[in-house]
Amino acid sequence: MELLNTSLVEWSRAQFALTAAYHWLFVPLTLGLGLIMCIFETIYVKTGKEEWKRATKFWMTIFGINFAIGVATGLILEFEFGTNWSNYSWLVGDIFGAPLAIEGILAFFMEATFLSLMFFGWKKLSRGGHLAATWLTVIGATISAFWILTANAWMQFPAGAHLVAETQRMEMTNFWDVLSPVAVNKFFHTVVSSWVLGAVFVLGISSWFLLKKRNVEFALKSIKIGSIVGLVAIVLTILTGHTSAREVAAKQPMKLAAMEGLYDGKTNAKLVGFGILNPSKKYDNTEDPFIFKIDVPIPGFLSWIATYDSNTFIPGINDVIKGGHKQLLDGTDALSFAEKRERGLAANEALQKINILYNQKDTIAAQALWNEQVQAGNTQYFGYSHIEQEKDMIPNVPLVFYAFHIMVILGMLFAALFIVALIMKDRLKKAKWMQIIALICLPLAFVCSQMGWVVTEVGRFPWAIHEVLPLNAAVSKLATGSVVTTFFVFLVLFTALLIAELTIMLKQIRKGPQEN
C-alpha cells in the first residue's frame, strides 16, 4: 500500500468527520427520544387518559422528523468506506462488513416495518398492538446501533481476525470474538448516554412551553418523565464510562495519555479534573504540560480507574513511544515504536516475497515464510511499517484532552439538572431561572455527545484499525481536489438538511401537543 500525501489523508478524514458529526446529531436523539416516547405511550395504554396520548403523538412527531434525516446521513456515511477508504474496505471488508450487513438485513428492516405501523396504525391497531409497534421500532433502532457500534469497536480493538498471507487481507477467525468487551462497553455507553441527551432535549423543549406559559401540565409531566429517565441514564453512563476507560487503559494507552495530557507515566497517577494545556509542550521537550490544572482530590485515582489498584503505573505519551513498561493488557514488556516498526518492516518485506512465491505457485515456501513471521511476532506489527516517525504516533492532544473534559463536566451539569428538576416538581412552572438553564442545556447535550466521539476517533490516531492499518495506508488513491469538492458539496447538503429538520421541528413544537 503506497503512502499518500498528507493533504489527501487529511481531507478524507475531514470529509468522514463532517459526515459522522452531522449523522451523530440525529442518532442519539432517535435513541433517547424513542425511549421516552415509549414510556409516554405505555402510561397512556395503562391509564387510557387522552393527555398521555397527545403527549405521545407530539414526541413521536419530533422523533419521526429526526429519524428521517438520520437515515439519509447514515447511508452516505457507509458509502464513504468504499469511496474514500477503499484500501480499508479491501483489507478488512470481510470482517467489517459482517456487522453492517446484519444491521441492514435485520435491524433496518425491523425499524422500517414497525415505524410505518407506529405512525399510521393509531386507528387500525389496538392500543396494545400499537404500543408493541412503538417499542419494536425503538428496539430496532437500538439493535441497529449495536451492530454499527460493534463495527466501530472492532476498529478500536481488532479481535477475532488475522492477516492471511495468500490473499494479503484480514479474515475473521471467530465471529464471537469480534463481539469483544470493547464492543459491549461501547454499545451500552453510547446508548445510555443517548438516553441522557433525549432527556435533556425533553426538559429543554418542555421548559420552552413553561416560559411561554403554554401546555403547562404537558410540560410538567414531560419534565418529570425526562428527569427520571435522565437521572437513571446518567448513573448508567458513569458506570459504563468507567468500564470503557478501563478498556482504553488496557488496549489504547496512547488515547488515555492524550485524554489526561499525560506525557510521562506515573504510579499513583492522579485524574485531572480540568486544566489549561501548555501550547509549547511537545513530547520531546521538558516543559510542563499544563499552564494550570485542577486534579481530582483522590490520590492515585487514575491508576485506580484503570486497574482498581492506585499503585499501577499508567504510561504516558513518551512511555508508549519508548516502551519498556508493563502493559496493562497482558503484563508483558511494551515494545518501543522503533522496535514495532522494525518488526512491521520485516513482516512487510516478507509479504512482498510471499506474493512472488505465490505467483510462482510455490505455496509451501510462501506459507513457511509467513509462519516464521508469525512465530517471530512480526505480523501483529505490520501496520507500523507505514508509520515513519515516532511523532506520527501522537494524536492531537489538546483536542482529545479538552473534548474529554468538556464531556465529563457537561455530564455532571446534566446530572445536577435532573436532580434539581425532580426536587422542584410543580414549582418549576414559576422558576424562570431553571427553565432558562434547561433550555441552555439542550444544545449543550449535543455538544457533549459530539465530544465523546471526538475522544473516541481522534484519540485512535494514527490508526484506521488500531495497530493494524494506519490512516495513510487506508485511504483511497483519489485526486485531492475531488475530495475537497465533495467535502463542500456535503457541507452544503448536510447543512440544508439540518436547516430543513430544524424548521420542520420548530414548526411542530410551536403547534404543541394539543394541535399536533
Protein backbone atom coordinates (compact mmCIF):
# COMPACT_ATOMS: atom_id res chain seq x y z
CA MET A 1 0.00 0.00 0.00
CA GLU A 2 1.56 3.19 -1.16
CA LEU A 3 1.93 6.06 1.26
CA LEU A 4 -0.09 9.02 0.05
CA ASN A 5 0.35 12.70 0.53
CA THR A 6 -0.83 14.19 3.79
CA SER A 7 -3.32 16.57 2.23
CA LEU A 8 -5.34 13.72 0.72
CA VAL A 9 -5.40 11.87 4.04
CA GLU A 10 -6.41 14.98 5.97
CA TRP A 11 -9.16 15.95 3.52
CA SER A 12 -10.50 12.39 3.53
CA ARG A 13 -10.52 12.44 7.33
CA ALA A 14 -12.25 15.82 7.29
CA GLN A 15 -14.96 14.60 4.93
CA PHE A 16 -15.63 11.50 7.00
CA ALA A 17 -15.62 13.55 10.21
CA LEU A 18 -18.09 16.00 8.67
CA THR A 19 -20.48 13.22 7.68
CA ALA A 20 -20.15 11.44 11.03
CA ALA A 21 -20.65 14.64 13.03
CA TYR A 22 -23.84 15.53 11.16
CA HIS A 23 -25.12 11.96 11.39
CA TRP A 24 -24.49 11.89 15.12
CA LEU A 25 -26.71 14.92 15.62
CA PHE A 26 -29.67 12.67 14.79
CA VAL A 27 -28.78 9.21 16.13
CA PRO A 28 -28.64 9.94 19.89
CA LEU A 29 -31.87 11.92 19.74
CA THR A 30 -33.53 8.99 17.96
CA LEU A 31 -32.38 6.56 20.67
CA GLY A 32 -33.06 8.87 23.60
CA LEU A 33 -36.35 10.39 22.50
CA GLY A 34 -37.53 6.98 21.32
CA LEU A 35 -37.28 5.54 24.83
CA ILE A 36 -39.16 8.48 26.39
CA MET A 37 -41.81 8.27 23.67
CA CYS A 38 -42.33 4.58 24.50
CA ILE A 39 -42.71 5.37 28.20
CA PHE A 40 -45.36 8.00 27.42
CA GLU A 41 -47.36 5.58 25.32
CA THR A 42 -47.03 2.84 27.94
CA ILE A 43 -48.57 5.21 30.51
CA TYR A 44 -51.33 6.06 28.03
CA VAL A 45 -52.18 2.37 27.48
CA LYS A 46 -52.23 1.74 31.25
CA THR A 47 -54.30 4.83 32.15
CA GLY A 48 -56.35 5.40 29.00
CA LYS A 49 -56.03 9.17 29.53
CA GLU A 50 -56.06 11.21 26.33
CA GLU A 51 -53.48 13.74 27.56
CA TRP A 52 -50.86 10.99 27.56
CA LYS A 53 -51.86 10.04 24.01
CA ARG A 54 -51.50 13.65 22.86
CA ALA A 55 -48.11 13.86 24.57
CA THR A 56 -47.03 10.60 22.92
CA LYS A 57 -48.06 11.84 19.48
CA PHE A 58 -46.21 15.11 20.00
CA TRP A 59 -42.88 13.46 20.91
CA MET A 60 -43.47 10.83 18.21
CA THR A 61 -43.72 13.56 15.56
CA ILE A 62 -40.40 15.05 16.68
CA PHE A 63 -38.91 11.54 16.70
CA GLY A 64 -40.09 10.89 13.14
CA ILE A 65 -38.67 14.11 11.73
CA ASN A 66 -35.30 13.38 13.32
CA PHE A 67 -35.33 9.70 12.27
CA ALA A 68 -35.80 10.52 8.57
CA ILE A 69 -32.82 12.87 8.38
CA GLY A 70 -30.66 10.47 10.39
CA VAL A 71 -31.22 7.68 7.86
CA ALA A 72 -30.18 9.94 4.97
CA THR A 73 -26.86 10.93 6.55
CA GLY A 74 -26.15 7.39 7.75
CA LEU A 75 -26.37 5.92 4.25
CA ILE A 76 -23.82 8.42 2.95
CA LEU A 77 -21.50 7.59 5.85
CA GLU A 78 -21.44 3.89 4.96
CA PHE A 79 -20.80 4.60 1.28
CA GLU A 80 -17.71 6.65 2.19
CA PHE A 81 -15.92 3.49 3.35
CA GLY A 82 -15.88 2.43 -0.28
CA THR A 83 -15.29 5.80 -1.92
CA ASN A 84 -12.75 7.42 0.41
CA TRP A 85 -11.29 4.44 2.28
CA SER A 86 -11.15 1.71 -0.37
CA ASN A 87 -7.86 0.24 0.91
CA TYR A 88 -9.50 -0.12 4.31
CA SER A 89 -12.55 -1.79 2.75
CA TRP A 90 -10.38 -4.11 0.67
CA LEU A 91 -8.24 -5.21 3.62
CA VAL A 92 -10.97 -5.77 6.23
CA GLY A 93 -14.24 -5.73 4.28
CA ASP A 94 -14.98 -9.40 5.07
CA ILE A 95 -14.91 -8.60 8.80
CA PHE A 96 -16.14 -5.04 8.98
CA GLY A 97 -18.93 -5.73 6.51
CA ALA A 98 -20.47 -8.54 8.59
CA PRO A 99 -21.98 -6.42 11.39
CA LEU A 100 -23.04 -3.77 8.87
CA ALA A 101 -24.77 -6.43 6.77
CA ILE A 102 -26.60 -7.77 9.83
CA GLU A 103 -27.61 -4.22 10.72
CA GLY A 104 -29.04 -3.68 7.25
CA ILE A 105 -30.81 -7.02 6.91
CA LEU A 106 -32.18 -7.35 10.44
CA ALA A 107 -32.36 -4.04 12.28
CA PHE A 108 -33.01 -1.61 9.45
CA PHE A 109 -35.90 -3.61 8.02
CA MET A 110 -37.28 -4.12 11.50
CA GLU A 111 -37.24 -0.36 12.08
CA ALA A 112 -38.81 0.38 8.71
CA THR A 113 -41.62 -2.16 9.18
CA PHE A 114 -42.72 -1.12 12.64
CA LEU A 115 -42.10 2.59 12.00
CA SER A 116 -44.93 2.60 9.45
CA LEU A 117 -47.22 0.76 11.86
CA MET A 118 -46.32 3.19 14.60
CA PHE A 119 -47.17 6.31 12.57
CA PHE A 120 -50.15 5.07 10.57
CA GLY A 121 -51.62 2.41 12.84
CA TRP A 122 -53.30 4.52 15.53
CA LYS A 123 -56.78 3.75 14.17
CA LYS A 124 -56.00 0.32 12.74
CA LEU A 125 -54.27 -1.36 15.70
CA SER A 126 -55.41 -2.00 19.23
CA ARG A 127 -53.77 0.03 21.99
CA GLY A 128 -51.56 -2.89 22.91
CA GLY A 129 -50.72 -3.61 19.28
CA HIS A 130 -49.74 -0.02 18.62
CA LEU A 131 -47.66 0.08 21.80
CA ALA A 132 -45.83 -3.06 20.64
CA ALA A 133 -45.11 -1.41 17.27
CA THR A 134 -43.71 1.65 19.03
CA TRP A 135 -41.44 -0.36 21.31
CA LEU A 136 -40.28 -2.58 18.43
CA THR A 137 -39.40 0.50 16.35
CA VAL A 138 -37.17 1.81 19.11
CA ILE A 139 -35.74 -1.65 19.86
CA GLY A 140 -34.94 -1.97 16.14
CA ALA A 141 -33.12 1.37 16.20
CA THR A 142 -31.17 0.18 19.26
CA ILE A 143 -30.26 -3.13 17.60
CA SER A 144 -29.13 -1.13 14.56
CA ALA A 145 -26.88 0.93 16.84
CA PHE A 146 -25.49 -2.28 18.37
CA TRP A 147 -24.18 -3.64 15.08
CA ILE A 148 -22.78 -0.31 13.91
CA LEU A 149 -21.06 0.21 17.25
CA THR A 150 -19.71 -3.34 17.09
CA ALA A 151 -18.10 -2.49 13.75
CA ASN A 152 -16.63 0.70 15.21
CA ALA A 153 -15.40 -1.13 18.33
CA TRP A 154 -13.59 -3.63 16.12
CA MET A 155 -11.65 -0.71 14.64
CA GLN A 156 -10.61 0.16 18.21
CA PHE A 157 -9.71 -3.43 19.14
CA PRO A 158 -9.50 -5.80 16.15
CA ALA A 159 -10.12 -9.14 17.84
CA GLY A 160 -11.22 -12.35 16.15
CA ALA A 161 -9.26 -11.81 12.93
CA HIS A 162 -5.84 -12.30 11.40
CA LEU A 163 -3.87 -11.34 8.32
CA VAL A 164 -3.75 -14.08 5.66
CA ALA A 165 -0.56 -14.18 3.61
CA GLU A 166 -2.04 -15.69 0.44
CA THR A 167 -4.75 -13.04 0.00
CA GLN A 168 -2.92 -10.33 1.96
CA ARG A 169 -6.27 -9.49 3.57
CA MET A 170 -7.69 -9.75 7.08
CA GLU A 171 -10.01 -12.70 7.63
CA MET A 172 -12.33 -13.46 10.53
CA THR A 173 -11.26 -16.32 12.81
CA ASN A 174 -14.14 -16.17 15.29
CA PHE A 175 -17.31 -14.10 14.90
CA TRP A 176 -17.99 -14.07 18.64
CA ASP A 177 -14.52 -12.68 19.36
CA VAL A 178 -15.45 -9.69 17.21
CA LEU A 179 -18.17 -9.01 19.81
CA SER A 180 -15.45 -8.17 22.32
CA PRO A 181 -15.84 -6.44 25.72
CA VAL A 182 -14.85 -3.23 23.91
CA ALA A 183 -17.91 -3.61 21.66
CA VAL A 184 -20.24 -4.38 24.56
CA ASN A 185 -18.99 -1.42 26.60
CA LYS A 186 -19.18 0.90 23.62
CA PHE A 187 -22.76 -0.14 22.88
CA PHE A 188 -24.06 0.34 26.42
CA HIS A 189 -22.19 3.59 27.00
CA THR A 190 -23.37 5.07 23.71
CA VAL A 191 -27.00 4.05 24.17
CA VAL A 192 -27.39 5.20 27.77
CA SER A 193 -25.62 8.49 27.01
CA SER A 194 -28.14 8.91 24.16
CA TRP A 195 -30.90 8.50 26.74
CA VAL A 196 -29.30 11.38 28.63
CA LEU A 197 -29.41 13.54 25.50
CA GLY A 198 -33.03 12.60 24.88
CA ALA A 199 -33.92 13.51 28.46
CA VAL A 200 -32.17 16.90 28.25
CA PHE A 201 -33.96 17.53 24.95
CA VAL A 202 -37.34 16.83 26.56
CA LEU A 203 -36.53 19.09 29.51
CA GLY A 204 -35.41 21.87 27.19
CA ILE A 205 -38.49 21.79 24.95
CA SER A 206 -40.80 21.45 27.95
CA SER A 207 -39.13 24.42 29.63
CA TRP A 208 -39.82 26.47 26.50
CA PHE A 209 -43.53 25.72 26.94
CA LEU A 210 -43.28 26.84 30.59
CA LEU A 211 -41.55 30.05 29.55
CA LYS A 212 -44.36 30.68 27.07
CA LYS A 213 -46.95 29.65 29.73
CA ARG A 214 -48.39 27.12 27.27
CA ASN A 215 -49.31 23.46 27.75
CA VAL A 216 -48.10 23.69 31.35
CA GLU A 217 -49.43 20.32 32.52
CA PHE A 218 -47.94 18.58 29.49
CA ALA A 219 -44.60 20.30 30.13
CA LEU A 220 -44.51 19.33 33.82
CA LYS A 221 -45.35 15.70 33.02
CA SER A 222 -42.66 15.63 30.33
CA ILE A 223 -40.07 17.15 32.68
CA LYS A 224 -40.88 14.55 35.33
CA ILE A 225 -40.55 11.59 32.94
CA GLY A 226 -37.49 13.12 31.26
CA SER A 227 -35.76 13.78 34.59
CA ILE A 228 -36.33 10.23 35.87
CA VAL A 229 -35.04 8.73 32.62
CA GLY A 230 -32.14 11.19 32.56
CA LEU A 231 -31.06 10.54 36.14
CA VAL A 232 -31.09 6.77 35.68
CA ALA A 233 -29.27 7.18 32.36
CA ILE A 234 -26.57 9.48 33.76
CA VAL A 235 -25.79 6.95 36.51
CA LEU A 236 -25.53 4.19 33.89
CA THR A 237 -23.40 6.48 31.71
CA ILE A 238 -20.93 6.97 34.55
CA LEU A 239 -20.74 3.22 35.20
CA THR A 240 -20.33 2.28 31.53
CA GLY A 241 -17.90 5.18 31.06
CA HIS A 242 -15.78 3.73 33.85
CA THR A 243 -15.65 0.29 32.25
CA SER A 244 -14.88 1.91 28.89
CA ALA A 245 -11.99 3.82 30.49
CA ARG A 246 -10.57 0.53 31.77
CA GLU A 247 -10.73 -0.91 28.25
CA VAL A 248 -9.00 2.17 26.84
CA ALA A 249 -6.27 1.99 29.51
CA ALA A 250 -5.52 -1.63 28.67
CA LYS A 251 -5.86 -1.58 24.90
CA GLN A 252 -5.25 2.04 23.79
CA PRO A 253 -2.75 3.59 26.25
CA MET A 254 -1.89 6.44 23.87
CA LYS A 255 -5.54 7.53 23.83
CA LEU A 256 -5.72 7.51 27.64
CA ALA A 257 -2.49 9.54 27.87
CA ALA A 258 -3.92 12.13 25.46
CA MET A 259 -7.20 12.27 27.40
CA GLU A 260 -5.26 13.18 30.54
CA GLY A 261 -2.46 15.24 28.98
CA LEU A 262 -0.02 12.71 30.47
CA TYR A 263 3.39 12.76 28.81
CA ASP A 264 5.45 10.88 31.40
CA GLY A 265 3.96 7.85 33.09
CA LYS A 266 3.32 7.66 36.82
CA THR A 267 2.34 5.30 39.57
CA ASN A 268 -0.41 6.65 41.80
CA ALA A 269 -1.41 8.74 38.80
CA LYS A 270 -3.92 11.47 39.54
CA LEU A 271 -7.02 12.17 37.47
CA VAL A 272 -7.13 15.68 36.03
CA GLY A 273 -10.40 17.46 36.83
CA PHE A 274 -9.65 20.22 34.36
CA GLY A 275 -6.69 22.22 33.16
CA ILE A 276 -5.20 24.51 30.56
CA LEU A 277 -2.58 22.80 28.40
CA ASN A 278 0.77 24.40 27.66
CA PRO A 279 0.82 25.00 23.87
CA SER A 280 4.63 24.85 23.89
CA LYS A 281 4.70 21.34 25.28
CA LYS A 282 5.97 18.68 22.89
CA TYR A 283 6.65 15.04 23.54
CA ASP A 284 10.41 15.59 23.17
CA ASN A 285 10.89 18.64 25.39
CA THR A 286 10.86 19.09 29.17
CA GLU A 287 8.28 21.85 29.50
CA ASP A 288 5.37 21.44 31.90
CA PRO A 289 2.31 20.00 30.08
CA PHE A 290 -0.05 22.38 31.91
CA ILE A 291 -0.28 26.10 32.47
CA PHE A 292 -2.93 25.40 35.06
CA LYS A 293 -4.79 22.31 36.26
CA ILE A 294 -7.04 21.02 38.99
CA ASP A 295 -6.64 17.36 39.95
CA VAL A 296 -9.44 15.28 41.39
CA PRO A 297 -8.59 15.19 45.14
CA ILE A 298 -8.36 11.39 45.34
CA PRO A 299 -4.77 10.02 45.43
CA GLY A 300 -3.96 7.64 42.59
CA PHE A 301 -7.47 7.92 41.15
CA LEU A 302 -6.45 7.46 37.50
CA SER A 303 -4.40 4.37 38.39
CA TRP A 304 -7.35 3.00 40.36
CA ILE A 305 -9.79 3.63 37.49
CA ALA A 306 -7.53 1.71 35.12
CA THR A 307 -6.87 -1.36 37.30
CA TYR A 308 -8.53 -0.93 40.72
CA ASP A 309 -5.01 -0.52 42.10
CA SER A 310 -3.78 3.02 42.85
CA ASN A 311 -0.15 1.80 42.68
CA THR A 312 -0.42 0.84 38.99
CA PHE A 313 1.93 2.55 36.56
CA ILE A 314 -0.02 4.45 33.90
CA PRO A 315 2.13 5.02 30.79
CA GLY A 316 2.29 8.50 29.31
CA ILE A 317 2.80 9.51 25.70
CA ASN A 318 6.60 9.20 25.97
CA ASP A 319 6.32 5.77 27.58
CA VAL A 320 4.11 4.46 24.78
CA ILE A 321 6.73 5.64 22.28
CA LYS A 322 9.79 4.44 24.20
CA GLY A 323 8.34 1.20 25.59
CA GLY A 324 9.84 -0.76 28.46
CA HIS A 325 6.86 -0.57 30.83
CA LYS A 326 4.47 -3.37 31.71
CA GLN A 327 1.38 -3.42 29.50
CA LEU A 328 -1.91 -3.32 31.36
CA LEU A 329 -3.47 -5.69 28.82
CA ASP A 330 -1.26 -8.72 29.46
CA GLY A 331 1.57 -7.68 31.80
CA THR A 332 4.27 -8.13 29.14
CA ASP A 333 7.01 -5.59 28.44
CA ALA A 334 5.84 -2.97 25.95
CA LEU A 335 7.97 -2.60 22.82
CA SER A 336 9.16 0.82 21.69
CA PHE A 337 7.90 2.41 18.49
CA ALA A 338 11.29 1.71 16.87
CA GLU A 339 11.05 -2.00 17.74
CA LYS A 340 7.48 -2.26 16.47
CA ARG A 341 8.39 -0.50 13.25
CA GLU A 342 11.36 -2.82 12.72
CA ARG A 343 9.14 -5.85 13.14
CA GLY A 344 6.47 -4.32 10.90
CA LEU A 345 9.02 -3.70 8.16
CA ALA A 346 10.19 -7.30 8.42
CA ALA A 347 6.61 -8.55 8.03
CA ASN A 348 6.02 -6.19 5.10
CA GLU A 349 9.19 -7.33 3.35
CA ALA A 350 8.21 -10.96 3.92
CA LEU A 351 4.76 -10.32 2.43
CA GLN A 352 6.33 -8.97 -0.74
CA LYS A 353 8.47 -12.12 -1.06
CA ILE A 354 5.44 -14.28 -0.26
CA ASN A 355 3.49 -12.59 -3.03
CA ILE A 356 6.22 -13.55 -5.51
CA LEU A 357 6.27 -17.14 -4.21
CA TYR A 358 2.52 -17.47 -4.61
CA ASN A 359 2.75 -16.13 -8.16
CA GLN A 360 5.36 -18.85 -8.78
CA LYS A 361 2.91 -21.44 -7.30
CA ASP A 362 5.40 -22.21 -4.50
CA THR A 363 2.76 -22.27 -1.76
CA ILE A 364 4.81 -24.41 0.63
CA ALA A 365 7.71 -21.94 0.75
CA ALA A 366 5.30 -19.00 0.98
CA GLN A 367 3.44 -20.48 3.94
CA ALA A 368 6.68 -21.45 5.66
CA LEU A 369 7.99 -17.89 5.35
CA TRP A 370 4.76 -16.49 6.75
CA ASN A 371 4.80 -18.97 9.66
CA GLU A 372 8.29 -17.72 10.51
CA GLN A 373 6.95 -14.17 10.69
CA VAL A 374 4.02 -15.24 12.87
CA GLN A 375 6.28 -17.14 15.28
CA ALA A 376 8.69 -14.18 15.44
CA GLY A 377 5.80 -11.96 16.47
CA ASN A 378 6.25 -9.63 13.49
CA THR A 379 2.86 -9.94 11.80
CA GLN A 380 0.92 -8.15 14.54
CA TYR A 381 3.03 -5.04 13.93
CA PHE A 382 2.59 -4.99 10.16
CA GLY A 383 0.77 -1.63 10.35
CA TYR A 384 3.82 0.08 11.85
CA SER A 385 5.66 -0.36 8.56
CA HIS A 386 3.55 2.53 7.20
CA ILE A 387 4.43 4.95 10.01
CA GLU A 388 7.75 6.65 9.52
CA GLN A 389 8.35 8.76 12.64
CA GLU A 390 7.55 8.32 16.30
CA LYS A 391 5.87 11.74 16.46
CA ASP A 392 3.31 10.43 13.96
CA MET A 393 2.03 8.14 16.73
CA ILE A 394 0.69 11.04 18.80
CA PRO A 395 -2.92 12.22 18.34
CA ASN A 396 -3.98 15.85 18.68
CA VAL A 397 -3.53 16.05 22.45
CA PRO A 398 -5.34 19.38 23.06
CA LEU A 399 -8.37 18.28 21.02
CA VAL A 400 -8.65 14.93 22.82
CA PHE A 401 -7.95 16.41 26.27
CA TYR A 402 -10.43 19.27 26.06
CA ALA A 403 -13.12 17.14 24.38
CA PHE A 404 -12.88 14.55 27.13
CA HIS A 405 -13.06 17.03 29.99
CA ILE A 406 -15.85 19.09 28.40
CA MET A 407 -17.83 15.85 28.02
CA VAL A 408 -17.34 14.95 31.69
CA ILE A 409 -18.14 18.43 33.01
CA LEU A 410 -21.31 18.69 30.92
CA GLY A 411 -22.37 15.24 32.12
CA MET A 412 -22.10 16.48 35.72
CA LEU A 413 -24.17 19.54 34.79
CA PHE A 414 -26.92 17.34 33.34
CA ALA A 415 -26.95 15.17 36.47
CA ALA A 416 -27.50 18.30 38.57
CA LEU A 417 -30.23 19.46 36.17
CA PHE A 418 -32.18 16.20 36.55
CA ILE A 419 -31.86 16.17 40.34
CA VAL A 420 -32.99 19.78 40.74
CA ALA A 421 -35.91 19.24 38.35
CA LEU A 422 -37.14 16.24 40.36
CA ILE A 423 -36.79 18.12 43.64
CA MET A 424 -38.63 21.21 42.42
CA LYS A 425 -41.57 19.34 40.81
CA ASP A 426 -44.54 21.70 40.26
CA ARG A 427 -42.51 24.71 41.41
CA LEU A 428 -40.76 24.55 38.04
CA LYS A 429 -43.63 26.41 36.38
CA LYS A 430 -42.67 29.54 38.34
CA ALA A 431 -38.89 29.05 38.35
CA LYS A 432 -37.90 31.02 35.26
CA TRP A 433 -34.19 30.67 36.06
CA MET A 434 -34.49 26.87 35.96
CA GLN A 435 -36.45 26.97 32.71
CA ILE A 436 -33.71 29.07 31.09
CA ILE A 437 -30.97 26.72 32.35
CA ALA A 438 -32.82 23.70 30.96
CA LEU A 439 -33.22 25.44 27.60
CA ILE A 440 -29.50 26.32 27.51
CA CYS A 441 -28.60 22.72 28.32
CA LEU A 442 -30.42 21.49 25.20
CA PRO A 443 -27.69 22.45 22.69
CA LEU A 444 -25.01 21.58 25.27
CA ALA A 445 -26.27 17.99 25.25
CA PHE A 446 -25.43 17.73 21.55
CA VAL A 447 -22.01 19.28 22.22
CA CYS A 448 -21.38 16.70 24.95
CA SER A 449 -22.38 13.84 22.63
CA GLN A 450 -20.12 15.09 19.85
CA MET A 451 -17.18 15.45 22.27
CA GLY A 452 -17.48 11.78 23.16
CA TRP A 453 -16.93 10.81 19.53
CA VAL A 454 -14.05 13.25 19.17
CA VAL A 455 -12.29 11.45 22.04
CA THR A 456 -13.06 8.04 20.54
CA GLU A 457 -11.98 8.74 16.98
CA VAL A 458 -9.27 11.40 17.25
CA GLY A 459 -7.74 9.55 20.19
CA ARG A 460 -7.24 6.50 17.93
CA PHE A 461 -4.93 8.43 15.59
CA PRO A 462 -2.96 7.44 13.52
CA TRP A 463 -4.92 4.21 13.13
CA ALA A 464 -7.91 3.39 10.98
CA ILE A 465 -7.74 -0.01 12.67
CA HIS A 466 -5.80 0.08 15.92
CA GLU A 467 -2.22 -1.16 15.37
CA VAL A 468 -3.25 -2.89 12.12
CA LEU A 469 -3.86 -0.25 9.46
CA PRO A 470 -2.83 3.42 9.68
CA LEU A 471 -4.86 6.12 8.01
CA ASN A 472 -2.26 6.88 5.37
CA ALA A 473 -2.47 3.27 4.11
CA ALA A 474 -6.28 3.03 4.38
CA VAL A 475 -7.24 5.97 2.17
CA SER A 476 -8.38 5.68 -1.45
CA LYS A 477 -6.00 6.87 -4.14
CA LEU A 478 -8.05 9.86 -5.27
CA ALA A 479 -7.26 13.32 -6.55
CA THR A 480 -7.19 15.62 -3.54
CA GLY A 481 -9.28 18.16 -5.43
CA SER A 482 -12.10 15.62 -5.81
CA VAL A 483 -12.22 15.06 -2.05
CA VAL A 484 -12.15 18.81 -1.41
CA THR A 485 -15.02 19.36 -3.84
CA THR A 486 -17.20 16.64 -2.34
CA PHE A 487 -16.39 17.91 1.16
CA PHE A 488 -18.01 21.24 0.39
CA VAL A 489 -20.87 19.58 -1.51
CA PHE A 490 -21.64 17.50 1.58
CA LEU A 491 -21.22 20.52 3.82
CA VAL A 492 -23.88 22.42 1.88
CA LEU A 493 -26.14 19.35 1.59
CA PHE A 494 -25.97 18.40 5.27
CA THR A 495 -26.41 21.98 6.39
CA ALA A 496 -29.51 22.27 4.19
CA LEU A 497 -30.88 19.04 5.68
CA LEU A 498 -30.19 20.29 9.19
CA ILE A 499 -31.92 23.61 8.50
CA ALA A 500 -34.88 21.76 6.98
CA GLU A 501 -35.13 19.49 10.01
CA LEU A 502 -34.92 22.38 12.48
CA THR A 503 -37.52 24.35 10.52
CA ILE A 504 -40.00 21.47 10.46
CA MET A 505 -39.25 20.52 14.05
CA LEU A 506 -39.69 24.09 15.35
CA LYS A 507 -42.97 24.37 13.47
CA GLN A 508 -44.27 21.26 15.19
CA ILE A 509 -43.01 22.41 18.58
CA ARG A 510 -44.81 25.74 18.20
CA LYS A 511 -48.05 23.87 17.48
CA GLY A 512 -47.67 21.96 20.72
CA PRO A 513 -49.31 18.67 21.73
CA GLN A 514 -52.87 19.99 21.71
CA GLU A 515 -52.91 20.72 17.98
CA ASN A 516 -50.43 18.06 16.88
